[in-house]
N, C-alpha and C. Protein backbone atom coordinates (compact mmCIF):
# COMPACT_ATOMS: atom_id res chain seq x y z
N MET A 1 0.95 -1.12 0.19
CA MET A 1 -0.09 0.01 0.17
C MET A 1 1.07 1.25 -0.02
N ASP A 2 2.05 1.10 0.76
CA ASP A 2 2.95 2.38 0.99
C ASP A 2 3.57 2.38 -0.76
N GLU A 3 3.74 1.62 -1.25
CA GLU A 3 4.53 1.63 -2.36
C GLU A 3 3.83 2.31 -3.64
N LYS A 4 2.36 2.07 -3.48
CA LYS A 4 1.54 2.62 -4.26
C LYS A 4 1.36 4.20 -3.98
N LEU A 5 1.17 4.64 -2.94
CA LEU A 5 1.12 6.04 -2.67
C LEU A 5 2.50 6.68 -3.10
N GLU A 6 3.71 6.14 -3.20
CA GLU A 6 4.47 6.47 -3.46
C GLU A 6 4.76 6.74 -4.93
N LEU A 7 3.94 5.56 -5.81
CA LEU A 7 4.30 5.75 -7.22
C LEU A 7 2.96 6.54 -7.64
N ASP A 8 1.90 6.75 -7.02
CA ASP A 8 1.00 7.64 -7.11
C ASP A 8 1.80 9.34 -6.98
N ALA A 9 2.47 9.47 -6.02
CA ALA A 9 3.14 10.65 -5.77
C ALA A 9 4.04 11.06 -7.03
N LEU A 10 4.81 10.19 -7.34
CA LEU A 10 5.85 10.38 -8.25
C LEU A 10 5.17 10.65 -9.68
N THR A 11 4.12 9.92 -9.83
CA THR A 11 3.29 10.06 -11.28
C THR A 11 2.51 11.59 -11.28
N GLU A 12 2.29 12.04 -9.99
CA GLU A 12 1.78 13.41 -9.84
C GLU A 12 2.79 14.53 -10.24
N GLU A 13 3.88 14.20 -9.57
CA GLU A 13 5.04 15.06 -9.60
C GLU A 13 5.55 15.03 -11.28
N ILE A 14 5.60 14.06 -11.78
CA ILE A 14 5.89 13.60 -13.10
C ILE A 14 4.89 14.66 -14.02
N ASN A 15 3.73 14.67 -13.83
CA ASN A 15 2.51 15.32 -14.44
C ASN A 15 2.77 16.66 -14.27
N ALA A 16 2.99 17.33 -13.18
CA ALA A 16 3.30 18.45 -12.91
C ALA A 16 4.65 19.26 -13.63
N THR A 17 5.45 18.48 -13.31
CA THR A 17 6.97 18.90 -13.76
C THR A 17 6.96 18.94 -15.52
N GLU A 18 5.87 17.77 -16.18
CA GLU A 18 5.55 17.96 -17.55
C GLU A 18 4.95 19.52 -18.30
N GLN A 19 3.72 19.57 -17.17
CA GLN A 19 3.01 20.66 -17.52
C GLN A 19 4.06 22.20 -17.30
N LYS A 20 4.88 21.93 -16.44
CA LYS A 20 5.56 23.45 -16.34
C LYS A 20 6.61 23.67 -17.30
N LEU A 21 7.19 22.27 -17.80
CA LEU A 21 7.92 22.36 -19.19
C LEU A 21 7.31 22.66 -20.26
N SER A 22 5.98 22.49 -20.32
CA SER A 22 5.27 22.68 -21.45
C SER A 22 5.02 24.33 -21.51
N ASP A 23 4.52 24.82 -20.48
CA ASP A 23 4.41 26.32 -20.28
C ASP A 23 5.86 27.06 -20.45
N LEU A 24 7.02 26.55 -19.82
CA LEU A 24 8.24 27.19 -20.26
C LEU A 24 8.40 27.20 -21.63
N ARG A 25 8.30 26.11 -22.41
CA ARG A 25 8.29 26.15 -23.95
C ARG A 25 7.73 27.17 -24.47
N LYS A 26 6.41 27.16 -24.04
CA LYS A 26 5.51 28.30 -24.85
C LYS A 26 5.89 29.71 -24.53
N GLU A 27 6.29 29.62 -23.28
CA GLU A 27 6.87 31.31 -23.28
C GLU A 27 8.16 31.38 -23.81
N TYR A 28 9.00 30.56 -23.97
CA TYR A 28 10.09 30.47 -24.68
C TYR A 28 10.06 31.20 -26.46
N ARG A 29 8.67 30.34 -26.88
CA ARG A 29 8.25 30.76 -28.26
C ARG A 29 7.91 31.71 -28.31
N GLU A 30 7.04 32.30 -27.54
CA GLU A 30 6.30 33.56 -27.71
C GLU A 30 7.41 34.70 -27.32
N ARG A 31 8.70 34.54 -26.39
CA ARG A 31 9.51 35.65 -26.52
C ARG A 31 10.38 35.70 -27.48
N LYS A 32 10.85 34.62 -28.14
CA LYS A 32 11.53 34.17 -29.33
C LYS A 32 10.79 34.91 -30.65
N THR A 33 9.62 34.96 -30.52
CA THR A 33 9.10 35.47 -32.02
C THR A 33 8.20 36.68 -31.36
N ALA A 34 8.60 37.54 -30.59
CA ALA A 34 7.69 38.54 -30.33
C ALA A 34 8.33 39.78 -31.17
N GLY A 35 9.58 39.90 -31.26
CA GLY A 35 10.27 41.09 -32.41
C GLY A 35 9.78 40.67 -33.53
N LEU A 36 9.41 39.54 -34.13
CA LEU A 36 8.61 39.20 -35.69
C LEU A 36 7.51 39.81 -35.47
N ARG A 37 6.51 39.50 -34.41
CA ARG A 37 5.14 39.82 -34.36
C ARG A 37 5.16 41.38 -34.57
N ALA A 38 5.76 41.79 -33.76
CA ALA A 38 5.94 43.42 -33.83
C ALA A 38 5.90 43.73 -34.96
N ALA A 39 7.16 43.35 -35.74
CA ALA A 39 7.40 43.91 -36.95
C ALA A 39 6.36 43.72 -38.00
N ILE A 40 5.75 42.37 -38.03
CA ILE A 40 4.83 42.31 -38.88
C ILE A 40 3.64 42.92 -38.92
N GLU A 41 3.10 43.37 -37.38
CA GLU A 41 2.12 44.28 -37.08
C GLU A 41 2.18 45.86 -37.40
N ALA A 42 3.59 46.18 -37.07
CA ALA A 42 4.22 47.51 -37.77
C ALA A 42 3.90 47.76 -39.27
N ARG A 43 4.33 46.52 -39.93
CA ARG A 43 4.14 46.63 -41.21
C ARG A 43 2.66 46.69 -42.04
N ASN A 44 1.88 45.86 -41.30
CA ASN A 44 0.44 45.79 -41.66
C ASN A 44 -0.11 47.26 -41.23
N GLU A 45 0.25 47.87 -39.99
CA GLU A 45 -0.07 49.25 -40.13
C GLU A 45 0.05 50.26 -40.82
N ALA A 46 1.50 50.18 -41.30
CA ALA A 46 2.10 51.15 -42.43
C ALA A 46 1.21 50.76 -43.57
N ASP A 47 0.82 49.69 -43.98
CA ASP A 47 0.29 49.37 -45.29
C ASP A 47 -1.02 50.21 -45.11
N ALA A 48 -1.45 49.81 -44.08
CA ALA A 48 -3.36 50.57 -43.96
C ALA A 48 -3.06 52.14 -43.81
N LEU A 49 -2.02 52.84 -43.62
CA LEU A 49 -1.80 53.94 -43.44
C LEU A 49 -1.53 54.41 -45.21
N ILE A 50 -0.92 53.97 -45.93
CA ILE A 50 -0.47 53.92 -47.11
C ILE A 50 -1.61 53.73 -47.83
N ARG A 51 -2.40 52.83 -47.85
CA ARG A 51 -3.91 52.43 -48.27
C ARG A 51 -4.79 53.67 -48.16
N GLU A 52 -5.00 54.18 -47.01
CA GLU A 52 -5.53 55.39 -46.83
C GLU A 52 -5.00 56.59 -47.76
N GLU A 53 -3.66 57.00 -47.48
CA GLU A 53 -3.22 58.04 -48.21
C GLU A 53 -3.67 57.67 -49.88
N MET A 54 -3.29 56.87 -50.30
CA MET A 54 -3.44 56.41 -51.61
C MET A 54 -5.17 56.88 -52.12
N LYS A 55 -5.81 56.52 -51.07
CA LYS A 55 -7.20 56.42 -51.46
C LYS A 55 -7.38 57.94 -51.20
N ALA A 56 -7.21 58.78 -50.27
CA ALA A 56 -7.24 60.30 -50.24
C ALA A 56 -6.76 61.01 -51.45
N LEU A 57 -5.84 60.50 -51.89
CA LEU A 57 -5.01 61.01 -53.18
C LEU A 57 -5.98 60.65 -54.42
N GLY A 58 -6.98 59.84 -54.31
CA GLY A 58 -7.64 59.23 -55.38
C GLY A 58 -7.12 58.28 -56.22
N THR A 59 -5.91 57.55 -55.83
CA THR A 59 -5.35 56.47 -56.70
C THR A 59 -5.45 55.33 -56.41
N ALA A 60 -5.77 54.34 -57.16
CA ALA A 60 -6.41 52.91 -57.01
C ALA A 60 -4.76 52.26 -56.31
N TYR A 61 -5.32 51.56 -55.43
CA TYR A 61 -4.10 51.00 -54.54
C TYR A 61 -4.14 49.46 -54.67
N GLN A 62 -3.15 48.76 -55.21
CA GLN A 62 -3.39 47.33 -55.02
C GLN A 62 -1.87 46.72 -54.74
N THR A 63 -1.60 46.03 -53.92
CA THR A 63 -0.25 45.68 -53.36
C THR A 63 -0.23 43.87 -53.95
N SER A 64 0.82 43.46 -54.02
CA SER A 64 1.21 41.97 -53.99
C SER A 64 2.41 42.25 -53.47
N ARG A 65 2.93 41.14 -52.66
CA ARG A 65 3.96 40.94 -52.16
C ARG A 65 5.01 40.00 -52.95
N THR A 66 6.20 40.15 -53.13
CA THR A 66 7.21 39.22 -53.75
C THR A 66 7.48 38.03 -52.50
N SER A 67 8.23 37.34 -53.00
CA SER A 67 8.50 36.12 -51.92
C SER A 67 9.28 36.66 -50.65
N PHE A 68 9.96 37.78 -51.03
CA PHE A 68 10.77 38.59 -49.94
C PHE A 68 9.78 39.37 -48.88
N GLY A 69 8.62 39.32 -49.29
CA GLY A 69 7.82 40.16 -48.33
C GLY A 69 7.96 41.77 -48.87
N ILE A 70 8.41 42.15 -49.77
CA ILE A 70 8.61 43.67 -50.26
C ILE A 70 7.11 44.02 -51.09
N PRO A 71 6.54 44.97 -50.57
CA PRO A 71 5.33 45.45 -51.08
C PRO A 71 5.61 45.97 -52.23
N LEU A 72 4.62 45.87 -53.54
CA LEU A 72 4.75 46.42 -54.78
C LEU A 72 3.57 47.17 -54.87
N TRP A 73 3.68 48.63 -55.24
CA TRP A 73 2.46 49.31 -55.39
C TRP A 73 2.25 49.33 -56.91
N ARG A 74 1.04 49.44 -57.34
CA ARG A 74 0.80 49.46 -58.67
C ARG A 74 -0.36 50.54 -58.86
N ASN A 75 -0.45 51.39 -59.89
CA ASN A 75 -1.69 52.03 -60.15
C ASN A 75 -2.38 51.16 -61.09
N THR A 76 -3.81 51.21 -60.92
CA THR A 76 -4.49 50.42 -61.84
C THR A 76 -5.71 51.08 -62.33
């Protein structure tokens, strides 16, 4: 009976440790990609401002992105 309690305690400790490891991995991924996510959001905001400005100027606005992610503006 005592051995059963020890095994249950070890199982609970393993589960808690695995959960903590999973949480730490998630936090690591979020921190690692935070700069990239911020840059993408800034680019999207800049694109939105450009679209508004082009619309205000009466110019048709259309973008396409190359494989390098560089926006190309065309008058249509």
